[in-house]
Amino acid sequence: KKPEWYAQHGWAFASIGYRMLPGAPVEEQARDVGRALVKLRAEAARLGFDPDRILLTGHSAGAHLAALVSTDPQYAGSAFTAIKGTIPIDGACYDVVAQMTQSGAFMRKRTYEPAFGTEPARQRALSPTIHAGGPDVRDWLLLYTTAREDARLQSDALSTALRRAGANTE
């Protein structure tokens, strides 16, 4: 029901299906999001929306991608400045290095290592919290389920880093 709700409230809505592991590494997934934003902006006149007012959102792995693209301009390229707000929902790996040390062996081996590898340099490069303070999207709403303490801790840490850098977070 999201497309209808957004349209009824004056928003254009677009959704992309991103390629999950093992089909594409996280870096390629983030580039997919960036390419989709560039394409969406190129079609803005035809679709009837302002190409310079984009809200980026995602859930779980999509939350991580939205946060990464919103803190590391290399992925969105020319579309980066058009992202006016970001809503990551229930992400638990905004600081990959911290999550790798804090998560249990099951999640680390099953989820995080396949996605982010074991090299600390790559893990830092894929951590939105570590990127906070460079060019960042200005406005953020970080949502998480209260049933996941790791999601709360990761969201709070990202929010703190973004606020220190001058972003608005809630």
C-alpha atoms as a PDB file:
ATOM      1  CA  LYS A   1       0.000   0.000   0.000  1.00  0.00           C
ATOM      2  CA  LYS A   2       3.012   2.311   0.159  1.00  0.00           C
ATOM      3  CA  PRO A   3       2.819   3.616  -3.430  1.00  0.00           C
ATOM      4  CA  GLU A   4      -0.839   4.600  -3.046  1.00  0.00           C
ATOM      5  CA  TRP A   5      -0.300   6.207   0.368  1.00  0.00           C
ATOM      6  CA  TYR A   6       2.646   8.273  -0.833  1.00  0.00           C
ATOM      7  CA  ALA A   7       0.790   9.381  -3.978  1.00  0.00           C
ATOM      8  CA  GLN A   8      -2.265  10.419  -1.924  1.00  0.00           C
ATOM      9  CA  HIS A   9       0.013  12.579   0.204  1.00  0.00           C
ATOM     10  CA  GLY A  10       1.788  14.288  -2.691  1.00  0.00           C
ATOM     11  CA  TRP A  11       4.894  12.108  -2.919  1.00  0.00           C
ATOM     12  CA  ALA A  12       6.251  10.211  -5.867  1.00  0.00           C
ATOM     13  CA  PHE A  13       7.258   6.663  -4.928  1.00  0.00           C
ATOM     14  CA  ALA A  14       9.861   4.404  -6.491  1.00  0.00           C
ATOM     15  CA  SER A  15      11.172   1.080  -5.288  1.00  0.00           C
ATOM     16  CA  ILE A  16      14.126  -0.927  -6.504  1.00  0.00           C
ATOM     17  CA  GLY A  17      14.843  -4.573  -6.036  1.00  0.00           C
ATOM     18  CA  TYR A  18      18.450  -4.763  -4.982  1.00  0.00           C
ATOM     19  CA  ARG A  19      20.631  -7.775  -5.555  1.00  0.00           C
ATOM     20  CA  MET A  20      21.398  -9.621  -2.362  1.00  0.00           C
ATOM     21  CA  LEU A  21      24.385 -11.789  -1.524  1.00  0.00           C
ATOM     22  CA  PRO A  22      25.878 -13.773  -3.062  1.00  0.00           C
ATOM     23  CA  GLY A  23      24.662 -12.116  -6.275  1.00  0.00           C
ATOM     24  CA  ALA A  24      26.455  -8.840  -5.616  1.00  0.00           C
ATOM     25  CA  PRO A  25      28.795  -7.551  -2.917  1.00  0.00           C
ATOM     26  CA  VAL A  26      27.581  -4.718  -0.696  1.00  0.00           C
ATOM     27  CA  GLU A  27      29.615  -2.167  -2.641  1.00  0.00           C
ATOM     28  CA  GLU A  28      27.848  -3.151  -5.861  1.00  0.00           C
ATOM     29  CA  GLN A  29      24.463  -3.067  -4.135  1.00  0.00           C
ATOM     30  CA  ALA A  30      25.180   0.504  -2.986  1.00  0.00           C
ATOM     31  CA  ARG A  31      26.194   1.439  -6.533  1.00  0.00           C
ATOM     32  CA  ASP A  32      22.880  -0.061  -7.727  1.00  0.00           C
ATOM     33  CA  VAL A  33      21.048   2.314  -5.384  1.00  0.00           C
ATOM     34  CA  GLY A  34      23.098   5.227  -6.673  1.00  0.00           C
ATOM     35  CA  ARG A  35      22.445   4.308 -10.313  1.00  0.00           C
ATOM     36  CA  ALA A  36      18.730   4.014  -9.546  1.00  0.00           C
ATOM     37  CA  LEU A  37      18.748   7.511  -8.034  1.00  0.00           C
ATOM     38  CA  VAL A  38      20.490   8.963 -11.102  1.00  0.00           C
ATOM     39  CA  LYS A  39      17.982   7.220 -13.402  1.00  0.00           C
ATOM     40  CA  LEU A  40      15.034   8.334 -11.267  1.00  0.00           C
ATOM     41  CA  ARG A  41      16.197  11.946 -11.391  1.00  0.00           C
ATOM     42  CA  ALA A  42      16.594  11.733 -15.175  1.00  0.00           C
ATOM     43  CA  GLU A  43      12.958  10.606 -15.427  1.00  0.00           C
ATOM     44  CA  ALA A  44      11.607  13.184 -12.929  1.00  0.00           C
ATOM     45  CA  ALA A  45       9.949  15.490 -15.468  1.00  0.00           C
ATOM     46  CA  ARG A  46       8.166  12.609 -17.142  1.00  0.00           C
ATOM     47  CA  LEU A  47       7.117  11.148 -13.790  1.00  0.00           C
ATOM     48  CA  GLY A  48       6.102  14.528 -12.371  1.00  0.00           C
ATOM     49  CA  PHE A  49       8.265  15.058  -9.304  1.00  0.00           C
ATOM     50  CA  ASP A  50      11.051  17.355  -8.144  1.00  0.00           C
ATOM     51  CA  PRO A  51      14.366  15.629  -8.957  1.00  0.00           C
ATOM     52  CA  ASP A  52      16.096  17.573  -6.187  1.00  0.00           C
ATOM     53  CA  ARG A  53      13.872  16.345  -3.332  1.00  0.00           C
ATOM     54  CA  ILE A  54      14.424  12.642  -2.759  1.00  0.00           C
ATOM     55  CA  LEU A  55      13.741  10.724   0.433  1.00  0.00           C
ATOM     56  CA  LEU A  56      15.747   7.503   0.658  1.00  0.00           C
ATOM     57  CA  THR A  57      14.495   4.657   2.816  1.00  0.00           C
ATOM     58  CA  GLY A  58      15.174   0.977   3.296  1.00  0.00           C
ATOM     59  CA  HIS A  59      14.542  -1.856   5.725  1.00  0.00           C
ATOM     60  CA  SER A  60      17.127  -4.203   7.288  1.00  0.00           C
ATOM     61  CA  ALA A  61      19.852  -4.704   4.651  1.00  0.00           C
ATOM     62  CA  GLY A  62      18.104  -1.930   2.714  1.00  0.00           C
ATOM     63  CA  ALA A  63      18.453   0.308   5.793  1.00  0.00           C
ATOM     64  CA  HIS A  64      22.190  -0.258   5.719  1.00  0.00           C
ATOM     65  CA  LEU A  65      22.303   0.568   1.993  1.00  0.00           C
ATOM     66  CA  ALA A  66      20.208   3.730   2.465  1.00  0.00           C
ATOM     67  CA  ALA A  67      22.483   4.863   5.311  1.00  0.00           C
ATOM     68  CA  LEU A  68      25.662   4.030   3.388  1.00  0.00           C
ATOM     69  CA  VAL A  69      24.524   5.883   0.254  1.00  0.00           C
ATOM     70  CA  SER A  70      23.486   8.827   2.463  1.00  0.00           C
ATOM     71  CA  THR A  71      26.886   9.100   4.181  1.00  0.00           C
ATOM     72  CA  ASP A  72      29.286   8.145   1.390  1.00  0.00           C
ATOM     73  CA  PRO A  73      28.686  10.269  -1.742  1.00  0.00           C
ATOM     74  CA  GLN A  74      30.729   7.978  -3.998  1.00  0.00           C
ATOM     75  CA  TYR A  75      27.722   5.698  -4.416  1.00  0.00           C
ATOM     76  CA  ALA A  76      25.076   8.249  -5.454  1.00  0.00           C
ATOM     77  CA  GLY A  77      27.420  10.464  -7.419  1.00  0.00           C
ATOM     78  CA  SER A  78      25.572  13.393  -8.978  1.00  0.00           C
ATOM     79  CA  ALA A  79      22.331  12.371  -7.234  1.00  0.00           C
ATOM     80  CA  PHE A  80      23.774  12.712  -3.716  1.00  0.00           C
ATOM     81  CA  THR A  81      22.720  16.327  -3.150  1.00  0.00           C
ATOM     82  CA  ALA A  82      19.154  15.472  -4.205  1.00  0.00           C
ATOM     83  CA  ILE A  83      18.739  13.185  -1.171  1.00  0.00           C
ATOM     84  CA  LYS A  84      16.995  15.485   1.305  1.00  0.00           C
ATOM     85  CA  GLY A  85      16.215  12.879   3.944  1.00  0.00           C
ATOM     86  CA  THR A  86      16.962   9.293   4.890  1.00  0.00           C
ATOM     87  CA  ILE A  87      14.826   6.818   6.835  1.00  0.00           C
ATOM     88  CA  PRO A  88      16.691   3.610   7.604  1.00  0.00           C
ATOM     89  CA  ILE A  89      14.354   1.069   9.206  1.00  0.00           C
ATOM     90  CA  ASP A  90      15.610  -1.641  11.543  1.00  0.00           C
ATOM     91  CA  GLY A  91      19.232  -1.647  10.460  1.00  0.00           C
ATOM     92  CA  ALA A  92      21.695  -3.303  12.803  1.00  0.00           C
ATOM     93  CA  CYS A  93      25.014  -2.851  11.062  1.00  0.00           C
ATOM     94  CA  TYR A  94      25.744   0.850  10.619  1.00  0.00           C
ATOM     95  CA  ASP A  95      29.114   0.367  12.335  1.00  0.00           C
ATOM     96  CA  VAL A  96      30.233  -2.914  10.828  1.00  0.00           C
ATOM     97  CA  VAL A  97      33.415  -3.175  12.903  1.00  0.00           C
ATOM     98  CA  ALA A  98      31.486  -2.774  16.178  1.00  0.00           C
ATOM     99  CA  GLN A  99      28.753  -5.182  15.114  1.00  0.00           C
ATOM    100  CA  MET A 100      31.303  -7.815  14.139  1.00  0.00           C
ATOM    101  CA  THR A 101      32.757  -7.738  17.653  1.00  0.00           C
ATOM    102  CA  GLN A 102      29.421  -7.428  19.493  1.00  0.00           C
ATOM    103  CA  SER A 103      27.242  -9.911  17.625  1.00  0.00           C
ATOM    104  CA  GLY A 104      27.112 -13.566  18.475  1.00  0.00           C
ATOM    105  CA  ALA A 105      28.939 -16.154  16.413  1.00  0.00           C
ATOM    106  CA  PHE A 106      25.733 -17.274  14.670  1.00  0.00           C
ATOM    107  CA  MET A 107      24.914 -13.822  13.225  1.00  0.00           C
ATOM    108  CA  ARG A 108      28.548 -13.005  12.555  1.00  0.00           C
ATOM    109  CA  LYS A 109      29.192 -16.196  10.564  1.00  0.00           C
ATOM    110  CA  ARG A 110      25.762 -16.460   8.933  1.00  0.00           C
ATOM    111  CA  THR A 111      25.059 -12.828   8.080  1.00  0.00           C
ATOM    112  CA  TYR A 112      27.808 -10.292   8.684  1.00  0.00           C
ATOM    113  CA  GLU A 113      30.960 -12.048   7.440  1.00  0.00           C
ATOM    114  CA  PRO A 114      29.361 -13.071   4.122  1.00  0.00           C
ATOM    115  CA  ALA A 115      28.257  -9.462   3.624  1.00  0.00           C
ATOM    116  CA  PHE A 116      31.198  -7.486   4.996  1.00  0.00           C
ATOM    117  CA  GLY A 117      34.092  -9.941   5.063  1.00  0.00           C
ATOM    118  CA  THR A 118      36.755 -10.130   7.734  1.00  0.00           C
ATOM    119  CA  GLU A 119      39.057  -7.286   6.677  1.00  0.00           C
ATOM    120  CA  PRO A 120      38.699  -4.311   9.062  1.00  0.00           C
ATOM    121  CA  ALA A 121      39.500  -1.790   6.285  1.00  0.00           C
ATOM    122  CA  ARG A 122      36.585  -3.047   4.160  1.00  0.00           C
ATOM    123  CA  GLN A 123      34.317  -3.150   7.212  1.00  0.00           C
ATOM    124  CA  ARG A 124      35.167   0.499   7.989  1.00  0.00           C
ATOM    125  CA  ALA A 125      34.588   1.485   4.360  1.00  0.00           C
ATOM    126  CA  LEU A 126      31.095  -0.034   4.542  1.00  0.00           C
ATOM    127  CA  SER A 127      30.178   1.608   7.880  1.00  0.00           C
ATOM    128  CA  PRO A 128      27.831   4.607   7.639  1.00  0.00           C
ATOM    129  CA  THR A 129      28.644   5.576  11.245  1.00  0.00           C
ATOM    130  CA  ILE A 130      32.324   5.882  10.359  1.00  0.00           C
ATOM    131  CA  HIS A 131      31.479   7.969   7.267  1.00  0.00           C
ATOM    132  CA  ALA A 132      29.340  10.406   9.287  1.00  0.00           C
ATOM    133  CA  GLY A 133      31.026  13.779   9.265  1.00  0.00           C
ATOM    134  CA  GLY A 134      31.892  13.818   5.595  1.00  0.00           C
ATOM    135  CA  PRO A 135      29.178  15.003   3.284  1.00  0.00           C
ATOM    136  CA  ASP A 136      26.026  13.565   4.833  1.00  0.00           C
ATOM    137  CA  VAL A 137      22.341  13.834   4.076  1.00  0.00           C
ATOM    138  CA  ARG A 138      21.063  16.491   6.478  1.00  0.00           C
ATOM    139  CA  ASP A 139      17.787  15.026   7.780  1.00  0.00           C
ATOM    140  CA  TRP A 140      17.344  11.534   9.227  1.00  0.00           C
ATOM    141  CA  LEU A 141      14.636   9.477  10.924  1.00  0.00           C
ATOM    142  CA  LEU A 142      16.170   6.269  12.288  1.00  0.00           C
ATOM    143  CA  LEU A 143      13.575   3.607  13.062  1.00  0.00           C
ATOM    144  CA  TYR A 144      14.091   0.228  14.720  1.00  0.00           C
ATOM    145  CA  THR A 145      12.132  -2.436  16.498  1.00  0.00           C
ATOM    146  CA  THR A 146      12.483  -2.366  20.278  1.00  0.00           C
ATOM    147  CA  ALA A 147      12.835  -6.167  20.200  1.00  0.00           C
ATOM    148  CA  ARG A 148      16.337  -5.790  18.720  1.00  0.00           C
ATOM    149  CA  GLU A 149      18.834  -4.275  21.114  1.00  0.00           C
ATOM    150  CA  ASP A 150      21.568  -4.368  18.465  1.00  0.00           C
ATOM    151  CA  ALA A 151      19.405  -2.310  16.097  1.00  0.00           C
ATOM    152  CA  ARG A 152      18.770   0.256  18.842  1.00  0.00           C
ATOM    153  CA  LEU A 153      22.444   0.517  19.765  1.00  0.00           C
ATOM    154  CA  GLN A 154      23.541   0.793  16.129  1.00  0.00           C
ATOM    155  CA  SER A 155      20.845   3.396  15.358  1.00  0.00           C
ATOM    156  CA  ASP A 156      21.738   5.440  18.442  1.00  0.00           C
ATOM    157  CA  ALA A 157      25.441   5.398  17.535  1.00  0.00           C
ATOM    158  CA  LEU A 158      24.724   6.472  13.948  1.00  0.00           C
ATOM    159  CA  SER A 159      22.377   9.190  15.176  1.00  0.00           C
ATOM    160  CA  THR A 160      25.016  10.512  17.599  1.00  0.00           C
ATOM    161  CA  ALA A 161      27.711  10.559  14.912  1.00  0.00           C
ATOM    162  CA  LEU A 162      25.412  12.335  12.457  1.00  0.00           C
ATOM    163  CA  ARG A 163      24.321  14.933  15.033  1.00  0.00           C
ATOM    164  CA  ARG A 164      27.947  15.666  15.914  1.00  0.00           C
ATOM    165  CA  ALA A 165      28.505  16.323  12.211  1.00  0.00           C
ATOM    166  CA  GLY A 166      25.557  18.739  12.022  1.00  0.00           C
ATOM    167  CA  ALA A 167      22.767  16.507  10.698  1.00  0.00           C
ATOM    168  CA  ASN A 168      19.265  16.464  12.143  1.00  0.00           C
ATOM    169  CA  THR A 169      18.285  13.074  13.514  1.00  0.00           C
ATOM    170  CA  GLU A 170      15.312  11.615  15.302  1.00  0.00           C
END
